Amino acid sequence: MIAEPKAESSAVSEVTRVKIFLGIQAFFLVLSVFTGGFQFKLWSMLDTALLIQSIGVTGLVVVLEGQKLRRLAFNAAIILYLLGLLDMGINVLVSGVVGWKPPA
């Protein structure tokens, strides 16, 4: 009997972590439009693409059955998310040094 509440608690905790992570990802997805300086070119949209992929992979965590697969999907989503943030930081540095030219 004691093992069942722990399993339920663990599942609830996992879902809560996924929801919080999805919220953080959505916030930075919205922010990525501003860090790209509204320059919708391939190199400036890489962060957006990485964040969208990260959100998609995070969605797999909810539907996968195996604990090992869920952990792998969550870790892959974290890596994609961090790569997106790194690209966002590079975009901000480039825009600060070079400056964005207005769209023609």
PDB file of N, CA and C in Angstrom:
ATOM      1  N   MET A   1       0.816  -1.198   0.000  1.00  0.00           N
ATOM      2  CA  MET A   1       0.000   0.000   0.000  1.00  0.00           C
ATOM      3  C   MET A   1       0.859   1.262   0.000  1.00  0.00           C
ATOM      4  N   ILE A   2       1.971   1.233   0.647  1.00  0.00           N
ATOM      5  CA  ILE A   2       2.818   2.419   0.729  1.00  0.00           C
ATOM      6  C   ILE A   2       3.451   2.729  -0.631  1.00  0.00           C
ATOM      7  N   ALA A   3       3.726   1.713  -1.431  1.00  0.00           N
ATOM      8  CA  ALA A   3       4.382   1.909  -2.724  1.00  0.00           C
ATOM      9  C   ALA A   3       3.466   2.643  -3.706  1.00  0.00           C
ATOM     10  N   GLU A   4       2.164   2.424  -3.643  1.00  0.00           N
ATOM     11  CA  GLU A   4       1.243   3.055  -4.595  1.00  0.00           C
ATOM     12  C   GLU A   4       1.193   4.572  -4.444  1.00  0.00           C
ATOM     13  N   PRO A   5       1.074   5.129  -3.255  1.00  0.00           N
ATOM     14  CA  PRO A   5       1.086   6.591  -3.156  1.00  0.00           C
ATOM     15  C   PRO A   5       2.400   7.199  -3.635  1.00  0.00           C
ATOM     16  N   LYS A   6       3.516   6.501  -3.401  1.00  0.00           N
ATOM     17  CA  LYS A   6       4.792   7.003  -3.891  1.00  0.00           C
ATOM     18  C   LYS A   6       4.803   7.057  -5.404  1.00  0.00           C
ATOM     19  N   ALA A   7       4.273   6.030  -6.059  1.00  0.00           N
ATOM     20  CA  ALA A   7       4.216   5.994  -7.517  1.00  0.00           C
ATOM     21  C   ALA A   7       3.329   7.118  -8.032  1.00  0.00           C
ATOM     22  N   GLU A   8       2.181   7.328  -7.385  1.00  0.00           N
ATOM     23  CA  GLU A   8       1.289   8.416  -7.774  1.00  0.00           C
ATOM     24  C   GLU A   8       1.970   9.754  -7.572  1.00  0.00           C
ATOM     25  N   SER A   9       2.639   9.914  -6.450  1.00  0.00           N
ATOM     26  CA  SER A   9       3.345  11.158  -6.145  1.00  0.00           C
ATOM     27  C   SER A   9       4.441  11.420  -7.164  1.00  0.00           C
ATOM     28  N   SER A  10       5.132  10.366  -7.562  1.00  0.00           N
ATOM     29  CA  SER A  10       6.189  10.501  -8.552  1.00  0.00           C
ATOM     30  C   SER A  10       5.618  10.910  -9.909  1.00  0.00           C
ATOM     31  N   ALA A  11       4.490  10.317 -10.285  1.00  0.00           N
ATOM     32  CA  ALA A  11       3.853  10.661 -11.562  1.00  0.00           C
ATOM     33  C   ALA A  11       3.359  12.102 -11.556  1.00  0.00           C
ATOM     34  N   VAL A  12       2.773  12.531 -10.462  1.00  0.00           N
ATOM     35  CA  VAL A  12       2.294  13.906 -10.347  1.00  0.00           C
ATOM     36  C   VAL A  12       3.475  14.870 -10.398  1.00  0.00           C
ATOM     37  N   SER A  13       4.545  14.530  -9.712  1.00  0.00           N
ATOM     38  CA  SER A  13       5.739  15.359  -9.714  1.00  0.00           C
ATOM     39  C   SER A  13       6.326  15.478 -11.115  1.00  0.00           C
ATOM     40  N   GLU A  14       6.340  14.377 -11.865  1.00  0.00           N
ATOM     41  CA  GLU A  14       6.868  14.381 -13.228  1.00  0.00           C
ATOM     42  C   GLU A  14       6.018  15.256 -14.140  1.00  0.00           C
ATOM     43  N   VAL A  15       4.711  15.140 -14.036  1.00  0.00           N
ATOM     44  CA  VAL A  15       3.813  15.956 -14.856  1.00  0.00           C
ATOM     45  C   VAL A  15       3.976  17.432 -14.506  1.00  0.00           C
ATOM     46  N   THR A  16       4.136  17.730 -13.235  1.00  0.00           N
ATOM     47  CA  THR A  16       4.344  19.115 -12.810  1.00  0.00           C
ATOM     48  C   THR A  16       5.633  19.673 -13.397  1.00  0.00           C
ATOM     49  N   ARG A  17       6.703  18.881 -13.370  1.00  0.00           N
ATOM     50  CA  ARG A  17       7.974  19.320 -13.965  1.00  0.00           C
ATOM     51  C   ARG A  17       7.819  19.578 -15.454  1.00  0.00           C
ATOM     52  N   VAL A  18       7.106  18.704 -16.148  1.00  0.00           N
ATOM     53  CA  VAL A  18       6.895  18.863 -17.590  1.00  0.00           C
ATOM     54  C   VAL A  18       6.104  20.140 -17.865  1.00  0.00           C
ATOM     55  N   LYS A  19       5.054  20.403 -17.082  1.00  0.00           N
ATOM     56  CA  LYS A  19       4.249  21.614 -17.280  1.00  0.00           C
ATOM     57  C   LYS A  19       5.068  22.877 -17.051  1.00  0.00           C
ATOM     58  N   ILE A  20       5.885  22.876 -16.000  1.00  0.00           N
ATOM     59  CA  ILE A  20       6.731  24.043 -15.720  1.00  0.00           C
ATOM     60  C   ILE A  20       7.736  24.244 -16.850  1.00  0.00           C
ATOM     61  N   PHE A  21       8.348  23.155 -17.310  1.00  0.00           N
ATOM     62  CA  PHE A  21       9.322  23.254 -18.391  1.00  0.00           C
ATOM     63  C   PHE A  21       8.665  23.744 -19.678  1.00  0.00           C
ATOM     64  N   LEU A  22       7.454  23.272 -19.970  1.00  0.00           N
ATOM     65  CA  LEU A  22       6.733  23.746 -21.157  1.00  0.00           C
ATOM     66  C   LEU A  22       6.422  25.241 -21.060  1.00  0.00           C
ATOM     67  N   GLY A  23       6.079  25.705 -19.866  1.00  0.00           N
ATOM     68  CA  GLY A  23       5.826  27.135 -19.666  1.00  0.00           C
ATOM     69  C   GLY A  23       7.068  27.972 -19.902  1.00  0.00           C
ATOM     70  N   ILE A  24       8.196  27.510 -19.398  1.00  0.00           N
ATOM     71  CA  ILE A  24       9.461  28.215 -19.603  1.00  0.00           C
ATOM     72  C   ILE A  24       9.814  28.227 -21.084  1.00  0.00           C
ATOM     73  N   GLN A  25       9.621  27.095 -21.755  1.00  0.00           N
ATOM     74  CA  GLN A  25       9.918  27.018 -23.180  1.00  0.00           C
ATOM     75  C   GLN A  25       9.032  27.974 -23.978  1.00  0.00           C
ATOM     76  N   ALA A  26       7.760  28.039 -23.650  1.00  0.00           N
ATOM     77  CA  ALA A  26       6.845  28.934 -24.366  1.00  0.00           C
ATOM     78  C   ALA A  26       7.250  30.393 -24.172  1.00  0.00           C
ATOM     79  N   PHE A  27       7.667  30.748 -22.959  1.00  0.00           N
ATOM     80  CA  PHE A  27       8.117  32.115 -22.693  1.00  0.00           C
ATOM     81  C   PHE A  27       9.315  32.474 -23.577  1.00  0.00           C
ATOM     82  N   PHE A  28      10.305  31.588 -23.623  1.00  0.00           N
ATOM     83  CA  PHE A  28      11.486  31.873 -24.423  1.00  0.00           C
ATOM     84  C   PHE A  28      11.204  31.786 -25.921  1.00  0.00           C
ATOM     85  N   LEU A  29      10.196  31.008 -26.315  1.00  0.00           N
ATOM     86  CA  LEU A  29       9.797  30.974 -27.722  1.00  0.00           C
ATOM     87  C   LEU A  29       9.259  32.336 -28.145  1.00  0.00           C
ATOM     88  N   VAL A  30       8.450  32.945 -27.302  1.00  0.00           N
ATOM     89  CA  VAL A  30       7.937  34.288 -27.590  1.00  0.00           C
ATOM     90  C   VAL A  30       9.093  35.292 -27.588  1.00  0.00           C
ATOM     91  N   LEU A  31       9.995  35.152 -26.652  1.00  0.00           N
ATOM     92  CA  LEU A  31      11.140  36.052 -26.546  1.00  0.00           C
ATOM     93  C   LEU A  31      12.083  35.926 -27.738  1.00  0.00           C
ATOM     94  N   SER A  32      12.143  34.746 -28.345  1.00  0.00           N
ATOM     95  CA  SER A  32      13.081  34.520 -29.452  1.00  0.00           C
ATOM     96  C   SER A  32      12.792  35.415 -30.649  1.00  0.00           C
ATOM     97  N   VAL A  33      11.543  35.825 -30.832  1.00  0.00           N
ATOM     98  CA  VAL A  33      11.205  36.730 -31.934  1.00  0.00           C
ATOM     99  C   VAL A  33      11.914  38.064 -31.741  1.00  0.00           C
ATOM    100  N   PHE A  34      12.005  38.521 -30.504  1.00  0.00           N
ATOM    101  CA  PHE A  34      12.638  39.810 -30.227  1.00  0.00           C
ATOM    102  C   PHE A  34      14.161  39.719 -30.302  1.00  0.00           C
ATOM    103  N   THR A  35      14.739  38.599 -29.898  1.00  0.00           N
ATOM    104  CA  THR A  35      16.200  38.477 -29.939  1.00  0.00           C
ATOM    105  C   THR A  35      16.696  38.359 -31.367  1.00  0.00           C
ATOM    106  N   GLY A  36      15.850  37.927 -32.277  1.00  0.00           N
ATOM    107  CA  GLY A  36      16.225  37.858 -33.690  1.00  0.00           C
ATOM    108  C   GLY A  36      16.087  39.195 -34.387  1.00  0.00           C
ATOM    109  N   GLY A  37      15.646  40.220 -33.680  1.00  0.00           N
ATOM    110  CA  GLY A  37      15.521  41.550 -34.258  1.00  0.00           C
ATOM    111  C   GLY A  37      14.511  41.612 -35.389  1.00  0.00           C
ATOM    112  N   PHE A  38      13.529  40.728 -35.360  1.00  0.00           N
ATOM    113  CA  PHE A  38      12.502  40.651 -36.399  1.00  0.00           C
ATOM    114  C   PHE A  38      13.104  40.412 -37.777  1.00  0.00           C
ATOM    115  N   GLN A  39      14.301  39.824 -37.791  1.00  0.00           N
ATOM    116  CA  GLN A  39      14.951  39.452 -39.043  1.00  0.00           C
ATOM    117  C   GLN A  39      14.618  37.983 -39.288  1.00  0.00           C
ATOM    118  N   PHE A  40      13.658  37.730 -40.124  1.00  0.00           N
ATOM    119  CA  PHE A  40      13.200  36.360 -40.340  1.00  0.00           C
ATOM    120  C   PHE A  40      14.028  35.704 -41.440  1.00  0.00           C
ATOM    121  N   LYS A  41      15.284  35.470 -41.120  1.00  0.00           N
ATOM    122  CA  LYS A  41      16.196  34.784 -42.019  1.00  0.00           C
ATOM    123  C   LYS A  41      16.606  33.489 -41.342  1.00  0.00           C
ATOM    124  N   LEU A  42      17.163  32.609 -42.136  1.00  0.00           N
ATOM    125  CA  LEU A  42      17.478  31.273 -41.640  1.00  0.00           C
ATOM    126  C   LEU A  42      18.338  31.302 -40.377  1.00  0.00           C
ATOM    127  N   TRP A  43      19.421  32.045 -40.371  1.00  0.00           N
ATOM    128  CA  TRP A  43      20.332  31.997 -39.230  1.00  0.00           C
ATOM    129  C   TRP A  43      19.739  32.639 -37.986  1.00  0.00           C
ATOM    130  N   SER A  44      18.847  33.616 -38.172  1.00  0.00           N
ATOM    131  CA  SER A  44      18.272  34.263 -36.992  1.00  0.00           C
ATOM    132  C   SER A  44      17.044  33.531 -36.471  1.00  0.00           C
ATOM    133  N   MET A  45      16.560  32.545 -37.209  1.00  0.00           N
ATOM    134  CA  MET A  45      15.387  31.793 -36.769  1.00  0.00           C
ATOM    135  C   MET A  45      15.755  30.418 -36.229  1.00  0.00           C
ATOM    136  N   LEU A  46      17.048  30.118 -36.156  1.00  0.00           N
ATOM    137  CA  LEU A  46      17.476  28.817 -35.664  1.00  0.00           C
ATOM    138  C   LEU A  46      17.042  28.604 -34.218  1.00  0.00           C
ATOM    139  N   ASP A  47      17.119  29.648 -33.397  1.00  0.00           N
ATOM    140  CA  ASP A  47      16.707  29.509 -31.998  1.00  0.00           C
ATOM    141  C   ASP A  47      15.229  29.163 -31.891  1.00  0.00           C
ATOM    142  N   THR A  48      14.414  29.779 -32.734  1.00  0.00           N
ATOM    143  CA  THR A  48      12.980  29.479 -32.727  1.00  0.00           C
ATOM    144  C   THR A  48      12.736  28.026 -33.119  1.00  0.00           C
ATOM    145  N   ALA A  49      13.437  27.566 -34.143  1.00  0.00           N
ATOM    146  CA  ALA A  49      13.279  26.177 -34.586  1.00  0.00           C
ATOM    147  C   ALA A  49      13.701  25.199 -33.485  1.00  0.00           C
ATOM    148  N   LEU A  50      14.803  25.490 -32.812  1.00  0.00           N
ATOM    149  CA  LEU A  50      15.262  24.611 -31.729  1.00  0.00           C
ATOM    150  C   LEU A  50      14.264  24.582 -30.578  1.00  0.00           C
ATOM    151  N   LEU A  51      13.694  25.743 -30.246  1.00  0.00           N
ATOM    152  CA  LEU A  51      12.723  25.790 -29.154  1.00  0.00           C
ATOM    153  C   LEU A  51      11.436  25.048 -29.516  1.00  0.00           C
ATOM    154  N   ILE A  52      10.999  25.162 -30.771  1.00  0.00           N
ATOM    155  CA  ILE A  52       9.798  24.426 -31.199  1.00  0.00           C
ATOM    156  C   ILE A  52      10.049  22.925 -31.139  1.00  0.00           C
ATOM    157  N   GLN A  53      11.238  22.494 -31.582  1.00  0.00           N
ATOM    158  CA  GLN A  53      11.571  21.075 -31.494  1.00  0.00           C
ATOM    159  C   GLN A  53      11.640  20.623 -30.035  1.00  0.00           C
ATOM    160  N   SER A  54      12.174  21.467 -29.182  1.00  0.00           N
ATOM    161  CA  SER A  54      12.257  21.137 -27.766  1.00  0.00           C
ATOM    162  C   SER A  54      10.865  20.945 -27.162  1.00  0.00           C
ATOM    163  N   ILE A  55       9.938  21.813 -27.534  1.00  0.00           N
ATOM    164  CA  ILE A  55       8.561  21.687 -27.036  1.00  0.00           C
ATOM    165  C   ILE A  55       7.934  20.390 -27.544  1.00  0.00           C
ATOM    166  N   GLY A  56       8.183  20.065 -28.804  1.00  0.00           N
ATOM    167  CA  GLY A  56       7.639  18.826 -29.362  1.00  0.00           C
ATOM    168  C   GLY A  56       8.179  17.589 -28.674  1.00  0.00           C
ATOM    169  N   VAL A  57       9.470  17.579 -28.411  1.00  0.00           N
ATOM    170  CA  VAL A  57      10.076  16.425 -27.730  1.00  0.00           C
ATOM    171  C   VAL A  57       9.587  16.350 -26.284  1.00  0.00           C
ATOM    172  N   THR A  58       9.387  17.497 -25.651  1.00  0.00           N
ATOM    173  CA  THR A  58       8.857  17.495 -24.283  1.00  0.00           C
ATOM    174  C   THR A  58       7.450  16.896 -24.263  1.00  0.00           C
ATOM    175  N   GLY A  59       6.680  17.137 -25.304  1.00  0.00           N
ATOM    176  CA  GLY A  59       5.340  16.551 -25.400  1.00  0.00           C
ATOM    177  C   GLY A  59       5.377  15.029 -25.428  1.00  0.00           C
ATOM    178  N   LEU A  60       6.462  14.468 -25.912  1.00  0.00           N
ATOM    179  CA  LEU A  60       6.599  13.007 -25.925  1.00  0.00           C
ATOM    180  C   LEU A  60       6.693  12.427 -24.526  1.00  0.00           C
ATOM    181  N   VAL A  61       7.204  13.217 -23.589  1.00  0.00           N
ATOM    182  CA  VAL A  61       7.378  12.726 -22.219  1.00  0.00           C
ATOM    183  C   VAL A  61       6.045  12.262 -21.646  1.00  0.00           C
ATOM    184  N   VAL A  62       4.993  12.943 -21.997  1.00  0.00           N
ATOM    185  CA  VAL A  62       3.666  12.622 -21.450  1.00  0.00           C
ATOM    186  C   VAL A  62       3.118  11.325 -22.036  1.00  0.00           C
ATOM    187  N   VAL A  63       3.425  11.034 -23.307  1.00  0.00           N
ATOM    188  CA  VAL A  63       2.805   9.879 -23.959  1.00  0.00           C
ATOM    189  C   VAL A  63       3.654   8.616 -23.944  1.00  0.00           C
ATOM    190  N   LEU A  64       4.949   8.735 -23.689  1.00  0.00           N
ATOM    191  CA  LEU A  64       5.793   7.545 -23.652  1.00  0.00           C
ATOM    192  C   LEU A  64       5.525   6.739 -22.391  1.00  0.00           C
ATOM    193  N   GLU A  65       5.566   5.423 -22.522  1.00  0.00           N
ATOM    194  CA  GLU A  65       5.234   4.568 -21.390  1.00  0.00           C
ATOM    195  C   GLU A  65       6.437   4.207 -20.531  1.00  0.00           C
ATOM    196  N   GLY A  66       7.559   3.940 -21.144  1.00  0.00           N
ATOM    197  CA  GLY A  66       8.732   3.506 -20.386  1.00  0.00           C
ATOM    198  C   GLY A  66       9.431   4.663 -19.685  1.00  0.00           C
ATOM    199  N   GLN A  67       9.808   4.434 -18.442  1.00  0.00           N
ATOM    200  CA  GLN A  67      10.492   5.460 -17.652  1.00  0.00           C
ATOM    201  C   GLN A  67      11.801   5.869 -18.319  1.00  0.00           C
ATOM    202  N   LYS A  68      12.518   4.894 -18.848  1.00  0.00           N
ATOM    203  CA  LYS A  68      13.797   5.170 -19.497  1.00  0.00           C
ATOM    204  C   LYS A  68      13.590   6.060 -20.734  1.00  0.00           C
ATOM    205  N   LEU A  69      12.568   5.760 -21.530  1.00  0.00           N
ATOM    206  CA  LEU A  69      12.274   6.561 -22.727  1.00  0.00           C
ATOM    207  C   LEU A  69      11.815   7.971 -22.355  1.00  0.00           C
ATOM    208  N   ARG A  70      11.018   8.082 -21.299  1.00  0.00           N
ATOM    209  CA  ARG A  70      10.576   9.417 -20.851  1.00  0.00           C
ATOM    210  C   ARG A  70      11.765  10.251 -20.410  1.00  0.00           C
ATOM    211  N   ARG A  71      12.666   9.640 -19.671  1.00  0.00           N
ATOM    212  CA  ARG A  71      13.863  10.361 -19.202  1.00  0.00           C
ATOM    213  C   ARG A  71      14.733  10.777 -20.397  1.00  0.00           C
ATOM    214  N   LEU A  72      14.883   9.880 -21.369  1.00  0.00           N
ATOM    215  CA  LEU A  72      15.666  10.195 -22.568  1.00  0.00           C
ATOM    216  C   LEU A  72      15.032  11.357 -23.341  1.00  0.00           C
ATOM    217  N   ALA A  73      13.715  11.334 -23.518  1.00  0.00           N
ATOM    218  CA  ALA A  73      13.026  12.414 -24.222  1.00  0.00           C
ATOM    219  C   ALA A  73      13.163  13.727 -23.465  1.00  0.00           C
ATOM    220  N   PHE A  74      13.041  13.687 -22.160  1.00  0.00           N
ATOM    221  CA  PHE A  74      13.157  14.912 -21.361  1.00  0.00           C
ATOM    222  C   PHE A  74      14.578  15.479 -21.444  1.00  0.00           C
ATOM    223  N   ASN A  75      15.582  14.612 -21.371  1.00  0.00           N
ATOM    224  CA  ASN A  75      16.965  15.063 -21.488  1.00  0.00           C
ATOM    225  C   ASN A  75      17.249  15.628 -22.883  1.00  0.00           C
ATOM    226  N   ALA A  76      16.709  14.993 -23.925  1.00  0.00           N
ATOM    227  CA  ALA A  76      16.879  15.506 -25.290  1.00  0.00           C
ATOM    228  C   ALA A  76      16.219  16.878 -25.430  1.00  0.00           C
ATOM    229  N   ALA A  77      15.045  17.044 -24.819  1.00  0.00           N
ATOM    230  CA  ALA A  77      14.359  18.337 -24.860  1.00  0.00           C
ATOM    231  C   ALA A  77      15.170  19.409 -24.153  1.00  0.00           C
ATOM    232  N   ILE A  78      15.795  19.052 -23.049  1.00  0.00           N
ATOM    233  CA  ILE A  78      16.629  20.014 -22.321  1.00  0.00           C
ATOM    234  C   ILE A  78      17.821  20.434 -23.175  1.00  0.00           C
ATOM    235  N   ILE A  79      18.438  19.485 -23.862  1.00  0.00           N
ATOM    236  CA  ILE A  79      19.582  19.807 -24.721  1.00  0.00           C
ATOM    237  C   ILE A  79      19.155  20.722 -25.864  1.00  0.00           C
ATOM    238  N   LEU A  80      18.031  20.419 -26.516  1.00  0.00           N
ATOM    239  CA  LEU A  80      17.524  21.287 -27.589  1.00  0.00           C
ATOM    240  C   LEU A  80      17.204  22.680 -27.061  1.00  0.00           C
ATOM    241  N   TYR A  81      16.621  22.736 -25.878  1.00  0.00           N
ATOM    242  CA  TYR A  81      16.282  24.010 -25.238  1.00  0.00           C
ATOM    243  C   TYR A  81      17.535  24.841 -24.974  1.00  0.00           C
ATOM    244  N   LEU A  82      18.557  24.198 -24.418  1.00  0.00           N
ATOM    245  CA  LEU A  82      19.802  24.914 -24.124  1.00  0.00           C
ATOM    246  C   LEU A  82      20.497  25.381 -25.405  1.00  0.00           C
ATOM    247  N   LEU A  83      20.436  24.587 -26.460  1.00  0.00           N
ATOM    248  CA  LEU A  83      20.994  25.021 -27.745  1.00  0.00           C
ATOM    249  C   LEU A  83      20.235  26.232 -28.285  1.00  0.00           C
ATOM    250  N   GLY A  84      18.915  26.230 -28.117  1.00  0.00           N
ATOM    251  CA  GLY A  84      18.117  27.378 -28.532  1.00  0.00           C
ATOM    252  C   GLY A  84      18.482  28.629 -27.756  1.00  0.00           C
ATOM    253  N   LEU A  85      18.689  28.487 -26.452  1.00  0.00           N
ATOM    254  CA  LEU A  85      19.090  29.643 -25.637  1.00  0.00           C
ATOM    255  C   LEU A  85      20.480  30.139 -26.023  1.00  0.00           C
ATOM    256  N   LEU A  86      21.380  29.216 -26.325  1.00  0.00           N
ATOM    257  CA  LEU A  86      22.717  29.601 -26.764  1.00  0.00           C
ATOM    258  C   LEU A  86      22.637  30.402 -28.058  1.00  0.00           C
ATOM    259  N   ASP A  87      21.826  29.935 -29.007  1.00  0.00           N
ATOM    260  CA  ASP A  87      21.666  30.660 -30.261  1.00  0.00           C
ATOM    261  C   ASP A  87      21.017  32.025 -30.032  1.00  0.00           C
ATOM    262  N   MET A  88      20.088  32.092 -29.096  1.00  0.00           N
ATOM    263  CA  MET A  88      19.466  33.377 -28.759  1.00  0.00           C
ATOM    264  C   MET A  88      20.511  34.351 -28.238  1.00  0.00           C
ATOM    265  N   GLY A  89      21.387  33.873 -27.376  1.00  0.00           N
ATOM    266  CA  GLY A  89      22.453  34.715 -26.841  1.00  0.00           C
ATOM    267  C   GLY A  89      23.393  35.197 -27.934  1.00  0.00           C
ATOM    268  N   ILE A  90      23.704  34.312 -28.872  1.00  0.00           N
ATOM    269  CA  ILE A  90      24.564  34.703 -30.003  1.00  0.00           C
ATOM    270  C   ILE A  90      23.874  35.776 -30.837  1.00  0.00           C
ATOM    271  N   ASN A  91      22.562  35.623 -31.066  1.00  0.00           N
ATOM    272  CA  ASN A  91      21.817  36.639 -31.821  1.00  0.00           C
ATOM    273  C   ASN A  91      21.865  37.990 -31.122  1.00  0.00           C
ATOM    274  N   VAL A  92      21.737  37.997 -29.816  1.00  0.00           N
ATOM    275  CA  VAL A  92      21.790  39.259 -29.068  1.00  0.00           C
ATOM    276  C   VAL A  92      23.178  39.882 -29.178  1.00  0.00           C
ATOM    277  N   LEU A  93      24.224  39.057 -29.077  1.00  0.00           N
ATOM    278  CA  LEU A  93      25.590  39.573 -29.213  1.00  0.00           C
ATOM    279  C   LEU A  93      25.820  40.146 -30.609  1.00  0.00           C
ATOM    280  N   VAL A  94      25.377  39.441 -31.627  1.00  0.00           N
ATOM    281  CA  VAL A  94      25.554  39.917 -33.000  1.00  0.00           C
ATOM    282  C   VAL A  94      24.787  41.214 -33.205  1.00  0.00           C
ATOM    283  N   SER A  95      23.582  41.288 -32.703  1.00  0.00           N
ATOM    284  CA  SER A  95      22.794  42.508 -32.886  1.00  0.00           C
ATOM    285  C   SER A  95      23.405  43.672 -32.130  1.00  0.00           C
ATOM    286  N   GLY A  96      24.091  43.410 -31.010  1.00  0.00           N
ATOM    287  CA  GLY A  96      24.731  44.473 -30.256  1.00  0.00           C
ATOM    288  C   GLY A  96      25.981  44.987 -30.936  1.00  0.00           C
ATOM    289  N   VAL A  97      26.739  44.092 -31.557  1.00  0.00           N
ATOM    290  CA  VAL A  97      27.996  44.477 -32.199  1.00  0.00           C
ATOM    291  C   VAL A  97      27.757  45.023 -33.605  1.00  0.00           C
ATOM    292  N   VAL A  98      27.010  44.307 -34.392  1.00  0.00           N
ATOM    293  CA  VAL A  98      26.791  44.665 -35.785  1.00  0.00           C
ATOM    294  C   VAL A  98      25.570  45.560 -35.945  1.00  0.00           C
ATOM    295  N   GLY A  99      24.565  45.309 -35.129  1.00  0.00           N
ATOM    296  CA  GLY A  99      23.310  46.038 -35.235  1.00  0.00           C
ATOM    297  C   GLY A  99      22.432  45.401 -36.314  1.00  0.00           C
ATOM    298  N   TRP A 100      21.137  45.484 -36.089  1.00  0.00           N
ATOM    299  CA  TRP A 100      20.202  44.938 -37.060  1.00  0.00           C
ATOM    300  C   TRP A 100      19.862  46.019 -38.077  1.00  0.00           C
ATOM    301  N   LYS A 101      19.823  45.619 -39.310  1.00  0.00           N
ATOM    302  CA  LYS A 101      19.397  46.540 -40.358  1.00  0.00           C
ATOM    303  C   LYS A 101      17.896  46.383 -40.513  1.00  0.00           C
ATOM    304  N   PRO A 102      17.169  47.484 -40.737  1.00  0.00           N
ATOM    305  CA  PRO A 102      15.723  47.350 -40.904  1.00  0.00           C
ATOM    306  C   PRO A 102      15.396  46.494 -42.117  1.00  0.00           C
ATOM    307  N   PRO A 103      14.316  45.709 -42.028  1.00  0.00           N
ATOM    308  CA  PRO A 103      13.941  44.864 -43.160  1.00  0.00           C
ATOM    309  C   PRO A 103      13.631  45.728 -44.395  1.00  0.00           C
ATOM    310  N   ALA A 104      14.104  45.267 -45.524  1.00  0.00           N
ATOM    311  CA  ALA A 104      13.888  46.035 -46.757  1.00  0.00           C
ATOM    312  C   ALA A 104      12.625  45.599 -47.456  1.00  0.00           C
TER     313      ALA A 104
END
